[in-house]
Protein backbone atom coordinates (compact mmCIF):
# COMPACT_ATOMS: atom_id res chain seq x y z
CA MET A 1 135.41 113.14 111.53
CA ILE A 2 131.68 114.42 111.55
CA LYS A 3 129.38 113.65 114.20
CA VAL A 4 125.98 112.18 113.42
CA LYS A 5 122.81 111.13 114.78
CA ILE A 6 120.22 108.72 114.16
CA ASP A 7 117.60 110.68 112.25
CA ARG A 8 115.01 107.94 111.64
CA ILE A 9 114.68 104.87 110.35
CA MET A 10 112.06 104.37 106.88
CA ALA A 11 110.66 101.51 104.95
CA SER A 12 110.93 101.24 101.59
CA LEU A 13 107.76 101.22 99.60
CA LEU A 14 109.19 99.13 96.85
CA ASN A 15 111.08 96.10 98.60
CA GLN A 16 112.04 94.75 102.02
CA GLN A 17 114.82 97.41 102.32
CA ARG A 18 114.87 99.95 104.46
CA VAL A 19 116.97 103.47 105.00
CA ILE A 20 118.89 104.68 107.76
CA VAL A 21 118.54 108.37 108.04
CA LEU A 22 122.07 109.95 109.60
CA LYS A 23 121.99 113.60 110.22
CA GLU A 24 124.66 115.37 110.67
CA LEU A 25 125.12 117.49 114.23
CA ASN A 26 124.75 121.43 113.73
CA SER A 27 123.34 121.23 110.30
CA ASP A 28 120.79 119.93 107.63
CA ARG A 29 122.74 117.65 106.04
CA ILE A 30 121.92 113.85 105.94
CA LEU A 31 123.04 110.31 105.25
CA PRO A 32 120.75 107.87 103.79
CA ILE A 33 122.11 104.07 104.06
CA TRP A 34 119.84 100.96 103.00
CA ILE A 35 120.08 98.65 105.05
CA GLY A 36 118.08 95.42 105.51
CA PRO A 37 115.20 94.36 107.72
CA VAL A 38 116.73 92.52 110.50
CA GLU A 39 119.42 94.99 111.20
CA ALA A 40 117.33 97.52 111.12
CA ASP A 41 114.87 96.07 113.24
CA ALA A 42 117.76 95.26 115.51
CA ILE A 43 118.40 99.09 115.86
CA THR A 44 114.75 99.94 116.27
CA LEU A 45 114.62 97.33 119.62
CA ALA A 46 117.81 99.24 121.09
CA LEU A 47 116.98 102.88 120.04
CA GLN A 48 113.67 101.99 122.20
CA GLY A 49 115.20 100.05 125.03
CA ILE A 50 112.87 96.97 124.48
CA GLN A 51 114.69 93.79 126.11
CA VAL A 52 114.41 90.65 124.25
CA ALA A 53 114.20 87.28 125.95
CA ARG A 54 117.74 85.60 124.11
CA PRO A 55 120.76 87.96 123.23
CA LEU A 56 120.46 89.45 119.16
CA THR A 57 123.53 89.22 117.42
CA HIS A 58 124.16 92.90 118.42
CA ASP A 59 123.48 92.36 122.14
CA LEU A 60 126.11 89.04 121.60
CA LEU A 61 128.84 91.35 119.90
CA LYS A 62 128.48 93.96 122.75
CA ASN A 63 128.61 90.90 125.67
CA LEU A 64 131.87 89.72 124.09
CA ILE A 65 133.96 93.09 123.88
CA MET A 66 132.37 93.47 127.77
CA GLU A 67 133.59 90.36 128.55
CA LEU A 68 136.58 90.58 127.06
CA GLY A 69 137.12 93.89 128.62
CA ALA A 70 137.16 95.92 125.03
CA THR A 71 135.68 99.43 125.23
CA VAL A 72 134.36 100.70 122.02
CA SER A 73 135.01 104.70 121.93
CA HIS A 74 132.84 105.12 118.52
CA VAL A 75 132.10 103.81 115.43
CA LEU A 76 133.03 105.32 111.91
CA ILE A 77 131.01 105.18 109.06
CA ASN A 78 134.65 105.89 106.74
CA ASP A 79 134.66 104.85 103.06
CA LEU A 80 131.90 104.31 100.36
CA HIS A 81 132.73 102.40 97.02
CA ASP A 82 130.48 101.39 94.19
CA ASN A 83 127.59 102.86 96.11
CA THR A 84 128.61 100.47 99.39
CA PHE A 85 129.26 102.52 102.63
CA PHE A 86 131.87 100.81 104.82
CA ALA A 87 132.29 100.88 108.52
CA ARG A 88 135.02 100.65 111.44
CA ILE A 89 134.23 99.90 115.28
CA VAL A 90 136.85 101.16 117.04
CA MET A 91 137.82 100.00 120.18
CA ASP A 92 140.54 99.65 122.99
CA ALA A 93 141.63 96.30 124.27
CA ASN A 94 144.30 95.89 126.87
CA GLY A 95 145.78 98.84 125.85
CA ARG A 96 145.63 98.08 121.99
CA HIS A 97 143.93 99.90 119.50
CA ILE A 98 141.64 97.38 116.98
CA GLU A 99 139.81 98.84 114.48
CA VAL A 100 137.45 95.73 112.98
CA ASP A 101 135.80 96.14 109.27
CA SER A 102 132.22 95.82 109.81
CA ARG A 103 128.71 97.02 107.91
CA PRO A 104 127.19 100.69 108.82
CA SER A 105 124.09 98.73 109.96
CA ASP A 106 125.75 96.49 112.42
CA ALA A 107 128.43 99.21 113.72
CA VAL A 108 125.34 101.44 114.26
CA ALA A 109 123.70 98.19 115.96
CA LEU A 110 126.43 98.29 118.44
CA ALA A 111 127.21 101.84 118.79
CA VAL A 112 123.33 101.98 120.17
CA ARG A 113 123.34 99.38 122.49
CA LEU A 114 126.83 100.22 124.04
CA GLN A 115 125.82 104.01 123.80
CA VAL A 116 128.71 105.08 121.94
CA PRO A 117 129.28 107.98 119.34
CA ILE A 118 128.81 107.67 115.36
CA PHE A 119 130.79 109.36 113.14
CA VAL A 120 130.95 109.35 109.30
CA ALA A 121 134.38 110.41 107.03
CA GLU A 122 134.10 114.01 105.73
CA GLU A 123 134.63 112.50 102.37
CA VAL A 124 131.76 110.20 102.44
CA LEU A 125 129.69 112.86 103.94
CA ALA A 126 130.80 114.82 101.07
CA ALA A 127 130.30 112.32 98.15
CA ALA A 128 126.38 111.02 99.53
CA ALA A 129 125.06 113.06 101.88
CA VAL A 130 122.02 114.77 101.02
CA GLY A 131 121.04 118.20 102.07
CA PRO A 132 118.22 121.36 101.56
CA SER A 133 120.98 123.23 99.63
CA ARG A 134 122.65 120.50 97.38
CA GLU A 135 121.00 120.06 94.20
CA ILE A 136 121.34 117.28 91.40
CA ASP A 137 121.04 118.13 87.55
CA LEU A 138 119.21 114.99 86.52
CA THR A 139 119.93 116.10 82.89
CA THR A 140 123.39 115.36 83.47
CA LEU A 141 123.55 112.11 84.34
CA SER A 142 123.74 108.53 81.79
CA PRO A 143 120.55 106.09 81.66
CA GLU A 144 122.89 103.86 84.25
CA GLU A 145 123.42 107.12 86.62
CA GLU A 146 119.72 107.77 86.42
CA GLU A 147 118.52 103.91 87.20
CA ARG A 148 120.96 104.34 90.43
CA LEU A 149 119.61 106.97 91.55
CA SER A 150 115.61 106.53 90.68
CA ALA A 151 115.35 104.09 94.05
CA PHE A 152 116.71 107.35 96.20
CA ARG A 153 115.12 109.60 94.14
CA GLU A 154 111.50 108.83 95.86
CA PHE A 155 113.04 109.27 99.11
CA VAL A 156 114.67 112.28 99.16
CA ASN A 157 111.63 113.89 97.67
CA THR A 158 109.71 112.95 100.81
CA LEU A 159 112.17 114.30 103.02
CA ASP A 160 111.04 117.26 105.61
CA PHE A 161 114.06 118.95 106.57
CA ASP A 162 112.13 121.45 108.89
CA GLU A 163 112.41 120.23 112.57
CA PRO A 164 109.20 118.58 114.04
CA GLU A 165 106.78 120.99 116.22
CA ASP A 166 107.20 119.78 119.94
CA GLU A 167 103.64 118.71 121.07
CA GLU A 168 101.56 120.05 123.95
């Protein structure tokens, strides 16, 4: 398991989708995951500490977990099949170890609210992470692969791997 942090959330110029960018700690590798606008907004609200009048779905989930006396230790993006990421919410409830299947966006939204670590399985990072040293030879891709990757090409080309300069 590799610990990551939320680097940024970006909006697609092509559709309503958002991309959450998870960055491996102490590395330049990033993992972009397409998520829906509602989940992106839920994560952004929690990151910015914005309180809403009534609990959102992820707030409700957090409240239920806490009221039941369970504790979430971390969330794990554990698998990737057919370009779909899978995640687990890992918790302890009355001495029982429980792992609940989740969409990564929901797991991350909950992790932000509970302030618990986010991890990614090494095999998922190996398969889907991008970094300055990883290059894809587009000349060896099938037309189907080329079409699937085209949505990511513009996004990846806009990434800036340099650390932002501190403003004074």
